[in-house]
Amino acid sequence: MFDAYAEQYKLLANEYQPYSNIRFIDMRDALKDFPVPAYTDIAHYSPAAQRRLAERMFEDLSQFEVIRSGLKR
């Protein structure tokens, strides 16, 4: 299901490339080989997966200087 969205995000990433303040980040690999169940049903993440996704978002956002200075753990 998420692979279909990935194609759309690629198109959006290309469309918004000229705007330095807008980026699309592919996080489909964030739960690859996750050691516990990542979903509670077909569309909802388990608490452990939610935490991993939040950590991944933090990692990704901390790569941008404009955001990095305001991030707190």
PDB file of N, CA and C in Angstrom:
ATOM      1  N   MET A   1       0.820  -1.182   0.000  1.00  0.00           N
ATOM      2  CA  MET A   1       0.000   0.000   0.000  1.00  0.00           C
ATOM      3  C   MET A   1       0.877   1.264   0.000  1.00  0.00           C
ATOM      4  N   PHE A   2       1.921   1.269   0.838  1.00  0.00           N
ATOM      5  CA  PHE A   2       2.744   2.461   0.948  1.00  0.00           C
ATOM      6  C   PHE A   2       3.653   2.665  -0.261  1.00  0.00           C
ATOM      7  N   ASP A   3       3.900   1.608  -1.015  1.00  0.00           N
ATOM      8  CA  ASP A   3       4.702   1.765  -2.231  1.00  0.00           C
ATOM      9  C   ASP A   3       3.991   2.655  -3.240  1.00  0.00           C
ATOM     10  N   ALA A   4       2.676   2.566  -3.298  1.00  0.00           N
ATOM     11  CA  ALA A   4       1.914   3.427  -4.214  1.00  0.00           C
ATOM     12  C   ALA A   4       2.042   4.890  -3.799  1.00  0.00           C
ATOM     13  N   TYR A   5       2.030   5.144  -2.502  1.00  0.00           N
ATOM     14  CA  TYR A   5       2.223   6.520  -2.028  1.00  0.00           C
ATOM     15  C   TYR A   5       3.616   7.033  -2.372  1.00  0.00           C
ATOM     16  N   ALA A   6       4.594   6.147  -2.339  1.00  0.00           N
ATOM     17  CA  ALA A   6       5.978   6.556  -2.600  1.00  0.00           C
ATOM     18  C   ALA A   6       6.122   7.196  -3.972  1.00  0.00           C
ATOM     19  N   GLU A   7       5.434   6.674  -4.946  1.00  0.00           N
ATOM     20  CA  GLU A   7       5.498   7.260  -6.288  1.00  0.00           C
ATOM     21  C   GLU A   7       4.951   8.685  -6.286  1.00  0.00           C
ATOM     22  N   GLN A   8       3.879   8.897  -5.555  1.00  0.00           N
ATOM     23  CA  GLN A   8       3.304  10.239  -5.460  1.00  0.00           C
ATOM     24  C   GLN A   8       4.254  11.196  -4.748  1.00  0.00           C
ATOM     25  N   TYR A   9       4.896  10.704  -3.697  1.00  0.00           N
ATOM     26  CA  TYR A   9       5.846  11.551  -2.972  1.00  0.00           C
ATOM     27  C   TYR A   9       7.052  11.902  -3.842  1.00  0.00           C
ATOM     28  N   LYS A  10       7.469  10.987  -4.698  1.00  0.00           N
ATOM     29  CA  LYS A  10       8.562  11.295  -5.632  1.00  0.00           C
ATOM     30  C   LYS A  10       8.152  12.435  -6.556  1.00  0.00           C
ATOM     31  N   LEU A  11       6.931  12.363  -7.060  1.00  0.00           N
ATOM     32  CA  LEU A  11       6.433  13.429  -7.939  1.00  0.00           C
ATOM     33  C   LEU A  11       6.372  14.764  -7.192  1.00  0.00           C
ATOM     34  N   LEU A  12       5.873  14.733  -5.965  1.00  0.00           N
ATOM     35  CA  LEU A  12       5.806  15.953  -5.163  1.00  0.00           C
ATOM     36  C   LEU A  12       7.202  16.483  -4.846  1.00  0.00           C
ATOM     37  N   ALA A  13       8.131  15.597  -4.530  1.00  0.00           N
ATOM     38  CA  ALA A  13       9.505  16.016  -4.248  1.00  0.00           C
ATOM     39  C   ALA A  13      10.108  16.739  -5.446  1.00  0.00           C
ATOM     40  N   ASN A  14       9.862  16.225  -6.631  1.00  0.00           N
ATOM     41  CA  ASN A  14      10.357  16.881  -7.842  1.00  0.00           C
ATOM     42  C   ASN A  14       9.690  18.232  -8.054  1.00  0.00           C
ATOM     43  N   GLU A  15       8.396  18.286  -7.827  1.00  0.00           N
ATOM     44  CA  GLU A  15       7.653  19.521  -8.024  1.00  0.00           C
ATOM     45  C   GLU A  15       8.109  20.623  -7.058  1.00  0.00           C
ATOM     46  N   TYR A  16       8.416  20.236  -5.825  1.00  0.00           N
ATOM     47  CA  TYR A  16       8.785  21.214  -4.803  1.00  0.00           C
ATOM     48  C   TYR A  16      10.297  21.386  -4.646  1.00  0.00           C
ATOM     49  N   GLN A  17      11.081  20.772  -5.505  1.00  0.00           N
ATOM     50  CA  GLN A  17      12.540  20.863  -5.440  1.00  0.00           C
ATOM     51  C   GLN A  17      13.052  22.304  -5.364  1.00  0.00           C
ATOM     52  N   PRO A  18      12.456  23.266  -6.089  1.00  0.00           N
ATOM     53  CA  PRO A  18      12.959  24.640  -6.018  1.00  0.00           C
ATOM     54  C   PRO A  18      12.784  25.314  -4.650  1.00  0.00           C
ATOM     55  N   TYR A  19      11.948  24.758  -3.811  1.00  0.00           N
ATOM     56  CA  TYR A  19      11.656  25.377  -2.515  1.00  0.00           C
ATOM     57  C   TYR A  19      12.472  24.694  -1.421  1.00  0.00           C
ATOM     58  N   SER A  20      13.471  25.382  -0.898  1.00  0.00           N
ATOM     59  CA  SER A  20      14.388  24.765   0.062  1.00  0.00           C
ATOM     60  C   SER A  20      13.737  24.446   1.399  1.00  0.00           C
ATOM     61  N   ASN A  21      12.593  25.027   1.690  1.00  0.00           N
ATOM     62  CA  ASN A  21      11.941  24.780   2.974  1.00  0.00           C
ATOM     63  C   ASN A  21      10.908  23.655   2.920  1.00  0.00           C
ATOM     64  N   ILE A  22      10.784  22.975   1.790  1.00  0.00           N
ATOM     65  CA  ILE A  22       9.834  21.859   1.665  1.00  0.00           C
ATOM     66  C   ILE A  22      10.597  20.634   1.183  1.00  0.00           C
ATOM     67  N   ARG A  23      10.540  19.555   1.951  1.00  0.00           N
ATOM     68  CA  ARG A  23      11.190  18.305   1.569  1.00  0.00           C
ATOM     69  C   ARG A  23      10.282  17.133   1.905  1.00  0.00           C
ATOM     70  N   PHE A  24      10.359  16.095   1.121  1.00  0.00           N
ATOM     71  CA  PHE A  24       9.631  14.861   1.353  1.00  0.00           C
ATOM     72  C   PHE A  24      10.663  13.782   1.657  1.00  0.00           C
ATOM     73  N   ILE A  25      10.491  13.098   2.769  1.00  0.00           N
ATOM     74  CA  ILE A  25      11.460  12.095   3.203  1.00  0.00           C
ATOM     75  C   ILE A  25      10.785  10.730   3.199  1.00  0.00           C
ATOM     76  N   ASP A  26      11.384   9.784   2.508  1.00  0.00           N
ATOM     77  CA  ASP A  26      10.854   8.421   2.415  1.00  0.00           C
ATOM     78  C   ASP A  26      11.274   7.647   3.662  1.00  0.00           C
ATOM     79  N   MET A  27      10.294   7.287   4.474  1.00  0.00           N
ATOM     80  CA  MET A  27      10.575   6.575   5.714  1.00  0.00           C
ATOM     81  C   MET A  27      10.107   5.118   5.680  1.00  0.00           C
ATOM     82  N   ARG A  28       9.880   4.601   4.509  1.00  0.00           N
ATOM     83  CA  ARG A  28       9.362   3.238   4.432  1.00  0.00           C
ATOM     84  C   ARG A  28      10.305   2.217   5.045  1.00  0.00           C
ATOM     85  N   ASP A  29      11.589   2.518   5.076  1.00  0.00           N
ATOM     86  CA  ASP A  29      12.546   1.567   5.632  1.00  0.00           C
ATOM     87  C   ASP A  29      12.679   1.664   7.157  1.00  0.00           C
ATOM     88  N   ALA A  30      11.997   2.615   7.785  1.00  0.00           N
ATOM     89  CA  ALA A  30      12.134   2.828   9.229  1.00  0.00           C
ATOM     90  C   ALA A  30      11.725   1.606  10.045  1.00  0.00           C
ATOM     91  N   LEU A  31      10.818   0.811   9.539  1.00  0.00           N
ATOM     92  CA  LEU A  31      10.348  -0.357  10.277  1.00  0.00           C
ATOM     93  C   LEU A  31      10.816  -1.672   9.652  1.00  0.00           C
ATOM     94  N   LYS A  32      11.780  -1.577   8.755  1.00  0.00           N
ATOM     95  CA  LYS A  32      12.320  -2.788   8.130  1.00  0.00           C
ATOM     96  C   LYS A  32      13.012  -3.628   9.208  1.00  0.00           C
ATOM     97  N   ASP A  33      12.722  -4.889   9.242  1.00  0.00           N
ATOM     98  CA  ASP A  33      13.293  -5.816  10.224  1.00  0.00           C
ATOM     99  C   ASP A  33      12.995  -5.390  11.666  1.00  0.00           C
ATOM    100  N   PHE A  34      11.853  -4.762  11.882  1.00  0.00           N
ATOM    101  CA  PHE A  34      11.459  -4.329  13.225  1.00  0.00           C
ATOM    102  C   PHE A  34      11.242  -5.575  14.083  1.00  0.00           C
ATOM    103  N   PRO A  35      11.784  -5.609  15.314  1.00  0.00           N
ATOM    104  CA  PRO A  35      11.784  -6.848  16.096  1.00  0.00           C
ATOM    105  C   PRO A  35      10.447  -7.228  16.754  1.00  0.00           C
ATOM    106  N   VAL A  36       9.499  -6.302  16.800  1.00  0.00           N
ATOM    107  CA  VAL A  36       8.188  -6.588  17.398  1.00  0.00           C
ATOM    108  C   VAL A  36       7.112  -6.170  16.409  1.00  0.00           C
ATOM    109  N   PRO A  37       5.852  -6.577  16.625  1.00  0.00           N
ATOM    110  CA  PRO A  37       4.802  -6.177  15.687  1.00  0.00           C
ATOM    111  C   PRO A  37       4.734  -4.650  15.531  1.00  0.00           C
ATOM    112  N   ALA A  38       4.695  -4.194  14.298  1.00  0.00           N
ATOM    113  CA  ALA A  38       4.679  -2.758  14.012  1.00  0.00           C
ATOM    114  C   ALA A  38       3.265  -2.214  13.872  1.00  0.00           C
ATOM    115  N   TYR A  39       2.301  -3.083  13.644  1.00  0.00           N
ATOM    116  CA  TYR A  39       0.924  -2.634  13.422  1.00  0.00           C
ATOM    117  C   TYR A  39      -0.029  -3.292  14.415  1.00  0.00           C
ATOM    118  N   THR A  40      -1.024  -2.525  14.828  1.00  0.00           N
ATOM    119  CA  THR A  40      -2.085  -3.097  15.656  1.00  0.00           C
ATOM    120  C   THR A  40      -3.237  -3.575  14.785  1.00  0.00           C
ATOM    121  N   ASP A  41      -3.337  -3.033  13.570  1.00  0.00           N
ATOM    122  CA  ASP A  41      -4.294  -3.470  12.558  1.00  0.00           C
ATOM    123  C   ASP A  41      -3.737  -3.061  11.201  1.00  0.00           C
ATOM    124  N   ILE A  42      -4.548  -3.033  10.185  1.00  0.00           N
ATOM    125  CA  ILE A  42      -4.062  -2.786   8.829  1.00  0.00           C
ATOM    126  C   ILE A  42      -3.420  -1.407   8.631  1.00  0.00           C
ATOM    127  N   ALA A  43      -3.766  -0.432   9.464  1.00  0.00           N
ATOM    128  CA  ALA A  43      -3.276   0.920   9.230  1.00  0.00           C
ATOM    129  C   ALA A  43      -2.692   1.629  10.455  1.00  0.00           C
ATOM    130  N   HIS A  44      -2.807   1.036  11.641  1.00  0.00           N
ATOM    131  CA  HIS A  44      -2.376   1.728  12.858  1.00  0.00           C
ATOM    132  C   HIS A  44      -1.109   1.097  13.434  1.00  0.00           C
ATOM    133  N   TYR A  45      -0.160   1.971  13.771  1.00  0.00           N
ATOM    134  CA  TYR A  45       1.109   1.507  14.311  1.00  0.00           C
ATOM    135  C   TYR A  45       1.000   1.138  15.785  1.00  0.00           C
ATOM    136  N   SER A  46       1.776   0.168  16.182  1.00  0.00           N
ATOM    137  CA  SER A  46       1.871  -0.202  17.594  1.00  0.00           C
ATOM    138  C   SER A  46       2.634   0.904  18.333  1.00  0.00           C
ATOM    139  N   PRO A  47       2.526   0.958  19.665  1.00  0.00           N
ATOM    140  CA  PRO A  47       3.278   1.969  20.412  1.00  0.00           C
ATOM    141  C   PRO A  47       4.790   1.913  20.134  1.00  0.00           C
ATOM    142  N   ALA A  48       5.352   0.717  20.029  1.00  0.00           N
ATOM    143  CA  ALA A  48       6.785   0.591  19.745  1.00  0.00           C
ATOM    144  C   ALA A  48       7.124   1.161  18.364  1.00  0.00           C
ATOM    145  N   ALA A  49       6.275   0.901  17.391  1.00  0.00           N
ATOM    146  CA  ALA A  49       6.508   1.432  16.043  1.00  0.00           C
ATOM    147  C   ALA A  49       6.334   2.944  16.017  1.00  0.00           C
ATOM    148  N   GLN A  50       5.359   3.454  16.760  1.00  0.00           N
ATOM    149  CA  GLN A  50       5.185   4.905  16.830  1.00  0.00           C
ATOM    150  C   GLN A  50       6.445   5.561  17.377  1.00  0.00           C
ATOM    151  N   ARG A  51       7.018   4.959  18.413  1.00  0.00           N
ATOM    152  CA  ARG A  51       8.245   5.510  18.986  1.00  0.00           C
ATOM    153  C   ARG A  51       9.375   5.485  17.961  1.00  0.00           C
ATOM    154  N   ARG A  52       9.526   4.356  17.266  1.00  0.00           N
ATOM    155  CA  ARG A  52      10.601   4.254  16.259  1.00  0.00           C
ATOM    156  C   ARG A  52      10.403   5.292  15.165  1.00  0.00           C
ATOM    157  N   LEU A  53       9.177   5.491  14.713  1.00  0.00           N
ATOM    158  CA  LEU A  53       8.918   6.489  13.678  1.00  0.00           C
ATOM    159  C   LEU A  53       9.234   7.899  14.187  1.00  0.00           C
ATOM    160  N   ALA A  54       8.883   8.185  15.430  1.00  0.00           N
ATOM    161  CA  ALA A  54       9.193   9.495  16.009  1.00  0.00           C
ATOM    162  C   ALA A  54      10.705   9.700  16.094  1.00  0.00           C
ATOM    163  N   GLU A  55      11.419   8.654  16.493  1.00  0.00           N
ATOM    164  CA  GLU A  55      12.887   8.753  16.551  1.00  0.00           C
ATOM    165  C   GLU A  55      13.464   8.993  15.161  1.00  0.00           C
ATOM    166  N   ARG A  56      12.917   8.306  14.186  1.00  0.00           N
ATOM    167  CA  ARG A  56      13.392   8.471  12.810  1.00  0.00           C
ATOM    168  C   ARG A  56      13.100   9.880  12.303  1.00  0.00           C
ATOM    169  N   MET A  57      11.913  10.401  12.612  1.00  0.00           N
ATOM    170  CA  MET A  57      11.585  11.774  12.206  1.00  0.00           C
ATOM    171  C   MET A  57      12.561  12.759  12.839  1.00  0.00           C
ATOM    172  N   PHE A  58      12.870  12.542  14.114  1.00  0.00           N
ATOM    173  CA  PHE A  58      13.828  13.398  14.803  1.00  0.00           C
ATOM    174  C   PHE A  58      15.182  13.344  14.098  1.00  0.00           C
ATOM    175  N   GLU A  59      15.640  12.129  13.765  1.00  0.00           N
ATOM    176  CA  GLU A  59      16.912  11.960  13.065  1.00  0.00           C
ATOM    177  C   GLU A  59      16.903  12.704  11.730  1.00  0.00           C
ATOM    178  N   ASP A  60      15.824  12.533  10.977  1.00  0.00           N
ATOM    179  CA  ASP A  60      15.735  13.182   9.666  1.00  0.00           C
ATOM    180  C   ASP A  60      15.695  14.702   9.802  1.00  0.00           C
ATOM    181  N   LEU A  61      14.877  15.202  10.714  1.00  0.00           N
ATOM    182  CA  LEU A  61      14.748  16.648  10.884  1.00  0.00           C
ATOM    183  C   LEU A  61      16.027  17.273  11.401  1.00  0.00           C
ATOM    184  N   SER A  62      16.779  16.541  12.198  1.00  0.00           N
ATOM    185  CA  SER A  62      18.010  17.104  12.751  1.00  0.00           C
ATOM    186  C   SER A  62      19.088  17.299  11.690  1.00  0.00           C
ATOM    187  N   GLN A  63      18.855  16.804  10.493  1.00  0.00           N
ATOM    188  CA  GLN A  63      19.804  17.004   9.399  1.00  0.00           C
ATOM    189  C   GLN A  63      19.686  18.391   8.766  1.00  0.00           C
ATOM    190  N   PHE A  64      18.611  19.103   9.079  1.00  0.00           N
ATOM    191  CA  PHE A  64      18.372  20.417   8.490  1.00  0.00           C
ATOM    192  C   PHE A  64      18.767  21.507   9.480  1.00  0.00           C
ATOM    193  N   GLU A  65      19.719  22.328   9.121  1.00  0.00           N
ATOM    194  CA  GLU A  65      20.243  23.366  10.013  1.00  0.00           C
ATOM    195  C   GLU A  65      19.145  24.265  10.565  1.00  0.00           C
ATOM    196  N   VAL A  66      18.204  24.628   9.736  1.00  0.00           N
ATOM    197  CA  VAL A  66      17.154  25.549  10.169  1.00  0.00           C
ATOM    198  C   VAL A  66      16.304  24.944  11.281  1.00  0.00           C
ATOM    199  N   ILE A  67      16.231  23.645  11.342  1.00  0.00           N
ATOM    200  CA  ILE A  67      15.429  22.966  12.359  1.00  0.00           C
ATOM    201  C   ILE A  67      16.309  22.519  13.525  1.00  0.00           C
ATOM    202  N   ARG A  68      17.511  22.073  13.227  1.00  0.00           N
ATOM    203  CA  ARG A  68      18.393  21.466  14.219  1.00  0.00           C
ATOM    204  C   ARG A  68      18.566  22.312  15.475  1.00  0.00           C
ATOM    205  N   SER A  69      18.700  23.619  15.318  1.00  0.00           N
ATOM    206  CA  SER A  69      18.964  24.479  16.461  1.00  0.00           C
ATOM    207  C   SER A  69      17.788  24.519  17.448  1.00  0.00           C
ATOM    208  N   GLY A  70      16.574  24.208  16.998  1.00  0.00           N
ATOM    209  CA  GLY A  70      15.417  24.261  17.878  1.00  0.00           C
ATOM    210  C   GLY A  70      14.960  22.921  18.413  1.00  0.00           C
ATOM    211  N   LEU A  71      15.606  21.832  17.990  1.00  0.00           N
ATOM    212  CA  LEU A  71      15.188  20.502  18.416  1.00  0.00           C
ATOM    213  C   LEU A  71      15.678  20.192  19.828  1.00  0.00           C
ATOM    214  N   LYS A  72      14.841  19.521  20.561  1.00  0.00           N
ATOM    215  CA  LYS A  72      15.201  19.076  21.913  1.00  0.00           C
ATOM    216  C   LYS A  72      14.850  17.601  22.045  1.00  0.00           C
ATOM    217  N   ARG A  73      15.648  16.872  22.774  1.00  0.00           N
ATOM    218  CA  ARG A  73      15.357  15.447  23.034  1.00  0.00           C
ATOM    219  C   ARG A  73      14.494  15.328  24.245  1.00  0.00           C
TER     220      ARG A  73
END
